[in-house]
Amino acid sequence: KALDFLTEDEDELWVAHIVFDGQAKETGKIQKIMKQDCGNS
């Protein structure tokens, strides 16, 4: 909920959540998750 308040759009929210949740810390892993889950380049 705090991240939702601090971020401006869904992409920011999900990338921040990935980092805060510990799913990924490295750029490549974050990019891979976002590509698979959201189709982001």
PDB file of all heavy atoms in Angstrom:
ATOM      1  N   LYS A   1       0.837  -1.202   0.000  1.00  0.00           N
ATOM      2  CA  LYS A   1       0.000   0.000   0.000  1.00  0.00           C
ATOM      3  C   LYS A   1       0.876   1.259   0.000  1.00  0.00           C
ATOM      4  O   LYS A   1       0.562   2.234  -0.688  1.00  0.00           O
ATOM      5  CB  LYS A   1      -0.935   0.011   1.203  1.00  0.00           C
ATOM      6  CG  LYS A   1      -2.098  -0.953   1.077  1.00  0.00           C
ATOM      7  CD  LYS A   1      -2.939  -1.004   2.323  1.00  0.00           C
ATOM      8  CE  LYS A   1      -3.794   0.236   2.450  1.00  0.00           C
ATOM      9  NZ  LYS A   1      -4.764   0.129   3.557  1.00  0.00           N
ATOM     10  N   ALA A   2       1.975   1.235   0.760  1.00  0.00           N
ATOM     11  CA  ALA A   2       2.881   2.386   0.791  1.00  0.00           C
ATOM     12  C   ALA A   2       3.546   2.582  -0.571  1.00  0.00           C
ATOM     13  O   ALA A   2       3.660   3.709  -1.056  1.00  0.00           O
ATOM     14  CB  ALA A   2       3.934   2.200   1.885  1.00  0.00           C
ATOM     15  N   LEU A   3       3.973   1.485  -1.196  1.00  0.00           N
ATOM     16  CA  LEU A   3       4.576   1.585  -2.522  1.00  0.00           C
ATOM     17  C   LEU A   3       3.563   2.104  -3.535  1.00  0.00           C
ATOM     18  O   LEU A   3       3.908   2.892  -4.418  1.00  0.00           O
ATOM     19  CB  LEU A   3       5.126   0.229  -2.980  1.00  0.00           C
ATOM     20  CG  LEU A   3       6.412  -0.237  -2.317  1.00  0.00           C
ATOM     21  CD1 LEU A   3       6.738  -1.660  -2.747  1.00  0.00           C
ATOM     22  CD2 LEU A   3       7.557   0.700  -2.637  1.00  0.00           C
ATOM     23  N   ASP A   4       2.330   1.673  -3.413  1.00  0.00           N
ATOM     24  CA  ASP A   4       1.280   2.143  -4.311  1.00  0.00           C
ATOM     25  C   ASP A   4       1.104   3.658  -4.183  1.00  0.00           C
ATOM     26  O   ASP A   4       0.909   4.359  -5.173  1.00  0.00           O
ATOM     27  CB  ASP A   4      -0.029   1.420  -4.008  1.00  0.00           C
ATOM     28  CG  ASP A   4      -1.110   1.692  -5.029  1.00  0.00           C
ATOM     29  OD1 ASP A   4      -0.781   1.957  -6.206  1.00  0.00           O
ATOM     30  OD2 ASP A   4      -2.295   1.641  -4.665  1.00  0.00           O
ATOM     31  N   PHE A   5       1.216   4.164  -2.978  1.00  0.00           N
ATOM     32  CA  PHE A   5       1.093   5.598  -2.735  1.00  0.00           C
ATOM     33  C   PHE A   5       2.293   6.363  -3.307  1.00  0.00           C
ATOM     34  O   PHE A   5       2.140   7.454  -3.851  1.00  0.00           O
ATOM     35  CB  PHE A   5       0.963   5.873  -1.234  1.00  0.00           C
ATOM     36  CG  PHE A   5       0.773   7.317  -0.899  1.00  0.00           C
ATOM     37  CD1 PHE A   5      -0.484   7.898  -0.964  1.00  0.00           C
ATOM     38  CD2 PHE A   5       1.848   8.103  -0.533  1.00  0.00           C
ATOM     39  CE1 PHE A   5      -0.660   9.249  -0.671  1.00  0.00           C
ATOM     40  CE2 PHE A   5       1.684   9.448  -0.237  1.00  0.00           C
ATOM     41  CZ  PHE A   5       0.432  10.016  -0.305  1.00  0.00           C
ATOM     42  N   LEU A   6       3.505   5.787  -3.182  1.00  0.00           N
ATOM     43  CA  LEU A   6       4.733   6.479  -3.571  1.00  0.00           C
ATOM     44  C   LEU A   6       5.030   6.428  -5.069  1.00  0.00           C
ATOM     45  O   LEU A   6       5.775   7.264  -5.571  1.00  0.00           O
ATOM     46  CB  LEU A   6       5.930   5.887  -2.808  1.00  0.00           C
ATOM     47  CG  LEU A   6       5.930   6.106  -1.297  1.00  0.00           C
ATOM     48  CD1 LEU A   6       7.015   5.269  -0.643  1.00  0.00           C
ATOM     49  CD2 LEU A   6       6.123   7.585  -0.977  1.00  0.00           C
ATOM     50  N   THR A   7       4.473   5.459  -5.766  1.00  0.00           N
ATOM     51  CA  THR A   7       4.757   5.316  -7.196  1.00  0.00           C
ATOM     52  C   THR A   7       3.655   5.969  -8.031  1.00  0.00           C
ATOM     53  O   THR A   7       2.536   6.151  -7.556  1.00  0.00           O
ATOM     54  CB  THR A   7       4.898   3.825  -7.576  1.00  0.00           C
ATOM     55  OG1 THR A   7       3.721   3.123  -7.183  1.00  0.00           O
ATOM     56  CG2 THR A   7       6.115   3.206  -6.898  1.00  0.00           C
ATOM     57  N   GLU A   8       4.003   6.284  -9.283  1.00  0.00           N
ATOM     58  CA  GLU A   8       3.066   7.013 -10.136  1.00  0.00           C
ATOM     59  C   GLU A   8       2.277   6.131 -11.095  1.00  0.00           C
ATOM     60  O   GLU A   8       1.238   6.541 -11.567  1.00  0.00           O
ATOM     61  CB  GLU A   8       3.822   8.075 -10.934  1.00  0.00           C
ATOM     62  CG  GLU A   8       4.347   9.184 -10.061  1.00  0.00           C
ATOM     63  CD  GLU A   8       5.068  10.248 -10.853  1.00  0.00           C
ATOM     64  OE1 GLU A   8       4.857  10.347 -12.081  1.00  0.00           O
ATOM     65  OE2 GLU A   8       5.853  10.980 -10.245  1.00  0.00           O
ATOM     66  N   ASP A   9       2.796   4.962 -11.441  1.00  0.00           N
ATOM     67  CA  ASP A   9       2.082   4.106 -12.386  1.00  0.00           C
ATOM     68  C   ASP A   9       2.330   2.635 -12.052  1.00  0.00           C
ATOM     69  O   ASP A   9       3.102   2.323 -11.146  1.00  0.00           O
ATOM     70  CB  ASP A   9       2.478   4.416 -13.838  1.00  0.00           C
ATOM     71  CG  ASP A   9       3.967   4.240 -14.111  1.00  0.00           C
ATOM     72  OD1 ASP A   9       4.603   3.328 -13.538  1.00  0.00           O
ATOM     73  OD2 ASP A   9       4.506   5.004 -14.930  1.00  0.00           O
ATOM     74  N   GLU A  10       1.648   1.772 -12.767  1.00  0.00           N
ATOM     75  CA  GLU A  10       1.753   0.334 -12.479  1.00  0.00           C
ATOM     76  C   GLU A  10       3.157  -0.206 -12.690  1.00  0.00           C
ATOM     77  O   GLU A  10       3.606  -1.058 -11.930  1.00  0.00           O
ATOM     78  CB  GLU A  10       0.757  -0.453 -13.330  1.00  0.00           C
ATOM     79  CG  GLU A  10      -0.622  -0.477 -12.747  1.00  0.00           C
ATOM     80  CD  GLU A  10      -1.503  -1.517 -13.412  1.00  0.00           C
ATOM     81  OE1 GLU A  10      -0.992  -2.509 -13.941  1.00  0.00           O
ATOM     82  OE2 GLU A  10      -2.728  -1.311 -13.377  1.00  0.00           O
ATOM     83  N   ASP A  11       3.855   0.263 -13.723  1.00  0.00           N
ATOM     84  CA  ASP A  11       5.212  -0.216 -13.962  1.00  0.00           C
ATOM     85  C   ASP A  11       6.122   0.098 -12.776  1.00  0.00           C
ATOM     86  O   ASP A  11       6.876  -0.754 -12.311  1.00  0.00           O
ATOM     87  CB  ASP A  11       5.793   0.376 -15.242  1.00  0.00           C
ATOM     88  CG  ASP A  11       5.129  -0.160 -16.496  1.00  0.00           C
ATOM     89  OD1 ASP A  11       4.432  -1.194 -16.403  1.00  0.00           O
ATOM     90  OD2 ASP A  11       5.312   0.447 -17.571  1.00  0.00           O
ATOM     91  N   GLU A  12       6.044   1.326 -12.283  1.00  0.00           N
ATOM     92  CA  GLU A  12       6.844   1.695 -11.114  1.00  0.00           C
ATOM     93  C   GLU A  12       6.463   0.846  -9.910  1.00  0.00           C
ATOM     94  O   GLU A  12       7.340   0.377  -9.169  1.00  0.00           O
ATOM     95  CB  GLU A  12       6.667   3.177 -10.775  1.00  0.00           C
ATOM     96  CG  GLU A  12       7.399   4.118 -11.690  1.00  0.00           C
ATOM     97  CD  GLU A  12       7.335   5.559 -11.221  1.00  0.00           C
ATOM     98  OE1 GLU A  12       6.853   5.836 -10.097  1.00  0.00           O
ATOM     99  OE2 GLU A  12       7.769   6.434 -11.987  1.00  0.00           O
ATOM    100  N   LEU A  13       5.172   0.659  -9.710  1.00  0.00           N
ATOM    101  CA  LEU A  13       4.709  -0.132  -8.570  1.00  0.00           C
ATOM    102  C   LEU A  13       5.259  -1.549  -8.632  1.00  0.00           C
ATOM    103  O   LEU A  13       5.792  -2.060  -7.652  1.00  0.00           O
ATOM    104  CB  LEU A  13       3.182  -0.155  -8.525  1.00  0.00           C
ATOM    105  CG  LEU A  13       2.545  -1.065  -7.469  1.00  0.00           C
ATOM    106  CD1 LEU A  13       2.948  -0.624  -6.062  1.00  0.00           C
ATOM    107  CD2 LEU A  13       1.038  -1.068  -7.627  1.00  0.00           C
ATOM    108  N   TRP A  14       5.151  -2.196  -9.791  1.00  0.00           N
ATOM    109  CA  TRP A  14       5.580  -3.590  -9.885  1.00  0.00           C
ATOM    110  C   TRP A  14       7.084  -3.748  -9.823  1.00  0.00           C
ATOM    111  O   TRP A  14       7.592  -4.678  -9.191  1.00  0.00           O
ATOM    112  CB  TRP A  14       4.987  -4.252 -11.121  1.00  0.00           C
ATOM    113  CG  TRP A  14       3.519  -4.451 -10.952  1.00  0.00           C
ATOM    114  CD1 TRP A  14       2.518  -3.824 -11.610  1.00  0.00           C
ATOM    115  CD2 TRP A  14       2.879  -5.301  -9.984  1.00  0.00           C
ATOM    116  NE1 TRP A  14       1.293  -4.228 -11.128  1.00  0.00           N
ATOM    117  CE2 TRP A  14       1.487  -5.139 -10.127  1.00  0.00           C
ATOM    118  CE3 TRP A  14       3.342  -6.181  -9.011  1.00  0.00           C
ATOM    119  CZ2 TRP A  14       0.560  -5.822  -9.347  1.00  0.00           C
ATOM    120  CZ3 TRP A  14       2.418  -6.854  -8.232  1.00  0.00           C
ATOM    121  CH2 TRP A  14       1.055  -6.676  -8.403  1.00  0.00           C
ATOM    122  N   VAL A  15       7.837  -2.833 -10.444  1.00  0.00           N
ATOM    123  CA  VAL A  15       9.302  -2.913 -10.358  1.00  0.00           C
ATOM    124  C   VAL A  15       9.739  -2.691  -8.910  1.00  0.00           C
ATOM    125  O   VAL A  15      10.577  -3.428  -8.379  1.00  0.00           O
ATOM    126  CB  VAL A  15       9.982  -1.914 -11.315  1.00  0.00           C
ATOM    127  CG1 VAL A  15      11.479  -1.829 -11.048  1.00  0.00           C
ATOM    128  CG2 VAL A  15       9.734  -2.320 -12.772  1.00  0.00           C
ATOM    129  N   ALA A  16       9.157  -1.693  -8.239  1.00  0.00           N
ATOM    130  CA  ALA A  16       9.489  -1.460  -6.829  1.00  0.00           C
ATOM    131  C   ALA A  16       9.135  -2.677  -5.984  1.00  0.00           C
ATOM    132  O   ALA A  16       9.912  -3.087  -5.108  1.00  0.00           O
ATOM    133  CB  ALA A  16       8.759  -0.222  -6.309  1.00  0.00           C
ATOM    134  N   HIS A  17       7.991  -3.271  -6.244  1.00  0.00           N
ATOM    135  CA  HIS A  17       7.569  -4.448  -5.489  1.00  0.00           C
ATOM    136  C   HIS A  17       8.533  -5.610  -5.699  1.00  0.00           C
ATOM    137  O   HIS A  17       8.859  -6.333  -4.752  1.00  0.00           O
ATOM    138  CB  HIS A  17       6.142  -4.845  -5.884  1.00  0.00           C
ATOM    139  CG  HIS A  17       5.557  -5.891  -5.004  1.00  0.00           C
ATOM    140  ND1 HIS A  17       5.559  -7.218  -5.347  1.00  0.00           N
ATOM    141  CD2 HIS A  17       4.978  -5.814  -3.779  1.00  0.00           C
ATOM    142  CE1 HIS A  17       4.997  -7.913  -4.369  1.00  0.00           C
ATOM    143  NE2 HIS A  17       4.632  -7.083  -3.417  1.00  0.00           N
ATOM    144  N   ILE A  18       9.007  -5.802  -6.911  1.00  0.00           N
ATOM    145  CA  ILE A  18       9.978  -6.865  -7.206  1.00  0.00           C
ATOM    146  C   ILE A  18      11.233  -6.672  -6.362  1.00  0.00           C
ATOM    147  O   ILE A  18      11.757  -7.617  -5.767  1.00  0.00           O
ATOM    148  CB  ILE A  18      10.322  -6.901  -8.708  1.00  0.00           C
ATOM    149  CG1 ILE A  18       9.131  -7.435  -9.515  1.00  0.00           C
ATOM    150  CG2 ILE A  18      11.572  -7.735  -8.978  1.00  0.00           C
ATOM    151  CD1 ILE A  18       9.254  -7.231 -11.010  1.00  0.00           C
ATOM    152  N   VAL A  19      11.722  -5.430  -6.285  1.00  0.00           N
ATOM    153  CA  VAL A  19      12.939  -5.137  -5.512  1.00  0.00           C
ATOM    154  C   VAL A  19      12.671  -5.273  -4.018  1.00  0.00           C
ATOM    155  O   VAL A  19      13.432  -5.935  -3.296  1.00  0.00           O
ATOM    156  CB  VAL A  19      13.492  -3.734  -5.854  1.00  0.00           C
ATOM    157  CG1 VAL A  19      14.659  -3.374  -4.939  1.00  0.00           C
ATOM    158  CG2 VAL A  19      13.914  -3.663  -7.320  1.00  0.00           C
ATOM    159  N   PHE A  20      11.587  -4.691  -3.512  1.00  0.00           N
ATOM    160  CA  PHE A  20      11.291  -4.731  -2.079  1.00  0.00           C
ATOM    161  C   PHE A  20      10.983  -6.141  -1.600  1.00  0.00           C
ATOM    162  O   PHE A  20      11.331  -6.515  -0.490  1.00  0.00           O
ATOM    163  CB  PHE A  20      10.126  -3.791  -1.730  1.00  0.00           C
ATOM    164  CG  PHE A  20      10.556  -2.383  -1.470  1.00  0.00           C
ATOM    165  CD1 PHE A  20      10.750  -1.511  -2.525  1.00  0.00           C
ATOM    166  CD2 PHE A  20      10.773  -1.924  -0.187  1.00  0.00           C
ATOM    167  CE1 PHE A  20      11.150  -0.208  -2.302  1.00  0.00           C
ATOM    168  CE2 PHE A  20      11.169  -0.630   0.054  1.00  0.00           C
ATOM    169  CZ  PHE A  20      11.361   0.239  -1.006  1.00  0.00           C
ATOM    170  N   ASP A  21      10.322  -6.918  -2.443  1.00  0.00           N
ATOM    171  CA  ASP A  21       9.951  -8.283  -2.082  1.00  0.00           C
ATOM    172  C   ASP A  21      11.130  -9.250  -2.160  1.00  0.00           C
ATOM    173  O   ASP A  21      11.042 -10.379  -1.698  1.00  0.00           O
ATOM    174  CB  ASP A  21       8.815  -8.751  -2.992  1.00  0.00           C
ATOM    175  CG  ASP A  21       8.056  -9.918  -2.418  1.00  0.00           C
ATOM    176  OD1 ASP A  21       7.934  -9.996  -1.180  1.00  0.00           O
ATOM    177  OD2 ASP A  21       7.591 -10.757  -3.208  1.00  0.00           O
ATOM    178  N   GLY A  22      12.228  -8.811  -2.771  1.00  0.00           N
ATOM    179  CA  GLY A  22      13.415  -9.658  -2.878  1.00  0.00           C
ATOM    180  C   GLY A  22      13.356 -10.666  -4.017  1.00  0.00           C
ATOM    181  O   GLY A  22      14.187 -11.566  -4.089  1.00  0.00           O
ATOM    182  N   GLN A  23      12.379 -10.525  -4.917  1.00  0.00           N
ATOM    183  CA  GLN A  23      12.291 -11.435  -6.052  1.00  0.00           C
ATOM    184  C   GLN A  23      13.513 -11.300  -6.952  1.00  0.00           C
ATOM    185  O   GLN A  23      13.970 -12.278  -7.527  1.00  0.00           O
ATOM    186  CB  GLN A  23      11.037 -11.160  -6.877  1.00  0.00           C
ATOM    187  CG  GLN A  23       9.758 -11.462  -6.158  1.00  0.00           C
ATOM    188  CD  GLN A  23       8.569 -11.093  -7.035  1.00  0.00           C
ATOM    189  OE1 GLN A  23       8.580 -11.313  -8.222  1.00  0.00           O
ATOM    190  NE2 GLN A  23       7.550 -10.525  -6.421  1.00  0.00           N
ATOM    191  N   ALA A  24      14.016 -10.078  -7.086  1.00  0.00           N
ATOM    192  CA  ALA A  24      15.194  -9.816  -7.912  1.00  0.00           C
ATOM    193  C   ALA A  24      15.830  -8.509  -7.464  1.00  0.00           C
ATOM    194  O   ALA A  24      15.139  -7.590  -7.036  1.00  0.00           O
ATOM    195  CB  ALA A  24      14.817  -9.740  -9.380  1.00  0.00           C
ATOM    196  N   LYS A  25      17.135  -8.443  -7.574  1.00  0.00           N
ATOM    197  CA  LYS A  25      17.877  -7.237  -7.221  1.00  0.00           C
ATOM    198  C   LYS A  25      18.689  -6.721  -8.407  1.00  0.00           C
ATOM    199  O   LYS A  25      19.070  -5.571  -8.445  1.00  0.00           O
ATOM    200  CB  LYS A  25      18.854  -7.509  -6.059  1.00  0.00           C
ATOM    201  CG  LYS A  25      18.212  -8.069  -4.814  1.00  0.00           C
ATOM    202  CD  LYS A  25      17.568  -7.024  -3.988  1.00  0.00           C
ATOM    203  CE  LYS A  25      17.063  -7.641  -2.692  1.00  0.00           C
ATOM    204  NZ  LYS A  25      16.354  -6.716  -1.889  1.00  0.00           N
ATOM    205  N   GLU A  26      18.986  -7.605  -9.381  1.00  0.00           N
ATOM    206  CA  GLU A  26      19.811  -7.246 -10.525  1.00  0.00           C
ATOM    207  C   GLU A  26      18.938  -6.820 -11.699  1.00  0.00           C
ATOM    208  O   GLU A  26      17.856  -7.371 -11.920  1.00  0.00           O
ATOM    209  CB  GLU A  26      20.705  -8.410 -10.964  1.00  0.00           C
ATOM    210  CG  GLU A  26      21.733  -8.832  -9.939  1.00  0.00           C
ATOM    211  CD  GLU A  26      21.181  -9.785  -8.880  1.00  0.00           C
ATOM    212  OE1 GLU A  26      20.140 -10.421  -9.155  1.00  0.00           O
ATOM    213  OE2 GLU A  26      21.768  -9.861  -7.806  1.00  0.00           O
ATOM    214  N   THR A  27      19.447  -5.862 -12.470  1.00  0.00           N
ATOM    215  CA  THR A  27      18.697  -5.322 -13.607  1.00  0.00           C
ATOM    216  C   THR A  27      18.179  -6.422 -14.521  1.00  0.00           C
ATOM    217  O   THR A  27      16.998  -6.441 -14.876  1.00  0.00           O
ATOM    218  CB  THR A  27      19.587  -4.355 -14.421  1.00  0.00           C
ATOM    219  OG1 THR A  27      20.039  -3.319 -13.552  1.00  0.00           O
ATOM    220  CG2 THR A  27      18.823  -3.741 -15.577  1.00  0.00           C
ATOM    221  N   GLY A  28      19.035  -7.351 -14.913  1.00  0.00           N
ATOM    222  CA  GLY A  28      18.644  -8.402 -15.851  1.00  0.00           C
ATOM    223  C   GLY A  28      17.503  -9.261 -15.338  1.00  0.00           C
ATOM    224  O   GLY A  28      16.576  -9.596 -16.087  1.00  0.00           O
ATOM    225  N   LYS A  29      17.547  -9.605 -14.071  1.00  0.00           N
ATOM    226  CA  LYS A  29      16.479 -10.431 -13.488  1.00  0.00           C
ATOM    227  C   LYS A  29      15.174  -9.646 -13.378  1.00  0.00           C
ATOM    228  O   LYS A  29      14.098 -10.185 -13.622  1.00  0.00           O
ATOM    229  CB  LYS A  29      16.909 -10.962 -12.125  1.00  0.00           C
ATOM    230  CG  LYS A  29      18.014 -11.997 -12.210  1.00  0.00           C
ATOM    231  CD  LYS A  29      18.416 -12.488 -10.839  1.00  0.00           C
ATOM    232  CE  LYS A  29      19.565 -13.483 -10.955  1.00  0.00           C
ATOM    233  NZ  LYS A  29      20.025 -13.923  -9.642  1.00  0.00           N
ATOM    234  N   ILE A  30      15.269  -8.371 -13.015  1.00  0.00           N
ATOM    235  CA  ILE A  30      14.076  -7.520 -12.935  1.00  0.00           C
ATOM    236  C   ILE A  30      13.457  -7.388 -14.328  1.00  0.00           C
ATOM    237  O   ILE A  30      12.246  -7.519 -14.499  1.00  0.00           O
ATOM    238  CB  ILE A  30      14.427  -6.131 -12.352  1.00  0.00           C
ATOM    239  CG1 ILE A  30      14.924  -6.268 -10.904  1.00  0.00           C
ATOM    240  CG2 ILE A  30      13.222  -5.188 -12.422  1.00  0.00           C
ATOM    241  CD1 ILE A  30      15.587  -5.014 -10.355  1.00  0.00           C
ATOM    242  N   GLN A  31      14.302  -7.162 -15.321  1.00  0.00           N
ATOM    243  CA  GLN A  31      13.821  -7.033 -16.693  1.00  0.00           C
ATOM    244  C   GLN A  31      13.133  -8.320 -17.157  1.00  0.00           C
ATOM    245  O   GLN A  31      12.094  -8.275 -17.804  1.00  0.00           O
ATOM    246  CB  GLN A  31      14.977  -6.690 -17.635  1.00  0.00           C
ATOM    247  CG  GLN A  31      15.493  -5.287 -17.458  1.00  0.00           C
ATOM    248  CD  GLN A  31      16.770  -5.028 -18.229  1.00  0.00           C
ATOM    249  OE1 GLN A  31      17.626  -5.903 -18.356  1.00  0.00           O
ATOM    250  NE2 GLN A  31      16.911  -3.810 -18.737  1.00  0.00           N
ATOM    251  N   LYS A  32      13.712  -9.440 -16.826  1.00  0.00           N
ATOM    252  CA  LYS A  32      13.146 -10.733 -17.242  1.00  0.00           C
ATOM    253  C   LYS A  32      11.764 -10.953 -16.621  1.00  0.00           C
ATOM    254  O   LYS A  32      10.822 -11.368 -17.304  1.00  0.00           O
ATOM    255  CB  LYS A  32      14.093 -11.868 -16.842  1.00  0.00           C
ATOM    256  CG  LYS A  32      13.656 -13.219 -17.335  1.00  0.00           C
ATOM    257  CD  LYS A  32      14.686 -14.280 -17.004  1.00  0.00           C
ATOM    258  CE  LYS A  32      14.235 -15.628 -17.526  1.00  0.00           C
ATOM    259  NZ  LYS A  32      15.206 -16.679 -17.224  1.00  0.00           N
ATOM    260  N   ILE A  33      11.627 -10.654 -15.327  1.00  0.00           N
ATOM    261  CA  ILE A  33      10.332 -10.800 -14.648  1.00  0.00           C
ATOM    262  C   ILE A  33       9.297  -9.883 -15.287  1.00  0.00           C
ATOM    263  O   ILE A  33       8.176 -10.296 -15.583  1.00  0.00           O
ATOM    264  CB  ILE A  33      10.462 -10.513 -13.136  1.00  0.00           C
ATOM    265  CG1 ILE A  33      11.272 -11.620 -12.456  1.00  0.00           C
ATOM    266  CG2 ILE A  33       9.080 -10.389 -12.487  1.00  0.00           C
ATOM    267  CD1 ILE A  33      11.666 -11.302 -11.020  1.00  0.00           C
ATOM    268  N   MET A  34       9.660  -8.627 -15.513  1.00  0.00           N
ATOM    269  CA  MET A  34       8.711  -7.675 -16.090  1.00  0.00           C
ATOM    270  C   MET A  34       8.348  -8.044 -17.528  1.00  0.00           C
ATOM    271  O   MET A  34       7.214  -7.844 -17.944  1.00  0.00           O
ATOM    272  CB  MET A  34       9.277  -6.248 -16.025  1.00  0.00           C
ATOM    273  CG  MET A  34       9.306  -5.665 -14.623  1.00  0.00           C
ATOM    274  SD  MET A  34       7.670  -5.504 -13.862  1.00  0.00           S
ATOM    275  CE  MET A  34       6.970  -4.176 -14.827  1.00  0.00           C
ATOM    276  N   LYS A  35       9.294  -8.590 -18.277  1.00  0.00           N
ATOM    277  CA  LYS A  35       9.013  -9.023 -19.652  1.00  0.00           C
ATOM    278  C   LYS A  35       8.017 -10.183 -19.639  1.00  0.00           C
ATOM    279  O   LYS A  35       7.043 -10.198 -20.395  1.00  0.00           O
ATOM    280  CB  LYS A  35      10.320  -9.435 -20.346  1.00  0.00           C
ATOM    281  CG  LYS A  35      10.156  -9.944 -21.747  1.00  0.00           C
ATOM    282  CD  LYS A  35       9.890  -8.808 -22.690  1.00  0.00           C
ATOM    283  CE  LYS A  35       9.904  -9.303 -24.126  1.00  0.00           C
ATOM    284  NZ  LYS A  35       9.439  -8.294 -25.038  1.00  0.00           N
ATOM    285  N   GLN A  36       8.247 -11.156 -18.752  1.00  0.00           N
ATOM    286  CA  GLN A  36       7.368 -12.328 -18.670  1.00  0.00           C
ATOM    287  C   GLN A  36       5.986 -11.972 -18.130  1.00  0.00           C
ATOM    288  O   GLN A  36       4.974 -12.424 -18.647  1.00  0.00           O
ATOM    289  CB  GLN A  36       7.991 -13.405 -17.787  1.00  0.00           C
ATOM    290  CG  GLN A  36       9.193 -14.062 -18.390  1.00  0.00           C
ATOM    291  CD  GLN A  36       9.892 -15.007 -17.413  1.00  0.00           C
ATOM    292  OE1 GLN A  36       9.654 -14.977 -16.217  1.00  0.00           O
ATOM    293  NE2 GLN A  36      10.781 -15.833 -17.934  1.00  0.00           N
ATOM    294  N   ASP A  37       5.938 -11.155 -17.086  1.00  0.00           N
ATOM    295  CA  ASP A  37       4.669 -10.861 -16.414  1.00  0.00           C
ATOM    296  C   ASP A  37       3.856  -9.756 -17.086  1.00  0.00           C
ATOM    297  O   ASP A  37       2.630  -9.809 -17.088  1.00  0.00           O
ATOM    298  CB  ASP A  37       4.910 -10.477 -14.954  1.00  0.00           C
ATOM    299  CG  ASP A  37       5.420 -11.631 -14.112  1.00  0.00           C
ATOM    300  OD1 ASP A  37       5.479 -12.764 -14.624  1.00  0.00           O
ATOM    301  OD2 ASP A  37       5.760 -11.399 -12.939  1.00  0.00           O
ATOM    302  N   CYS A  38       4.530  -8.749 -17.623  1.00  0.00           N
ATOM    303  CA  CYS A  38       3.822  -7.575 -18.135  1.00  0.00           C
ATOM    304  C   CYS A  38       4.104  -7.281 -19.605  1.00  0.00           C
ATOM    305  O   CYS A  38       3.480  -6.391 -20.174  1.00  0.00           O
ATOM    306  CB  CYS A  38       4.199  -6.344 -17.314  1.00  0.00           C
ATOM    307  SG  CYS A  38       3.918  -6.514 -15.551  1.00  0.00           S
ATOM    308  N   GLY A  39       5.082  -7.966 -20.183  1.00  0.00           N
ATOM    309  CA  GLY A  39       5.427  -7.716 -21.579  1.00  0.00           C
ATOM    310  C   GLY A  39       6.229  -6.443 -21.793  1.00  0.00           C
ATOM    311  O   GLY A  39       6.330  -5.953 -22.918  1.00  0.00           O
ATOM    312  N   ASN A  40       6.825  -5.887 -20.731  1.00  0.00           N
ATOM    313  CA  ASN A  40       7.592  -4.648 -20.847  1.00  0.00           C
ATOM    314  C   ASN A  40       8.930  -4.902 -21.526  1.00  0.00           C
ATOM    315  O   ASN A  40       9.576  -5.922 -21.272  1.00  0.00           O
ATOM    316  CB  ASN A  40       7.849  -4.034 -19.466  1.00  0.00           C
ATOM    317  CG  ASN A  40       6.592  -3.529 -18.829  1.00  0.00           C
ATOM    318  OD1 ASN A  40       5.504  -4.057 -19.033  1.00  0.00           O
ATOM    319  ND2 ASN A  40       6.731  -2.491 -18.026  1.00  0.00           N
ATOM    320  N   SER A  41       9.362  -3.949 -22.330  1.00  0.00           N
ATOM    321  CA  SER A  41      10.678  -4.056 -22.967  1.00  0.00           C
ATOM    322  C   SER A  41      11.770  -3.819 -21.929  1.00  0.00           C
ATOM    323  O   SER A  41      11.532  -3.214 -20.882  1.00  0.00           O
ATOM    324  CB  SER A  41      10.802  -3.026 -24.092  1.00  0.00           C
ATOM    325  OG  SER A  41      10.904  -1.719 -23.554  1.00  0.00           O
TER     326      SER A  41
END
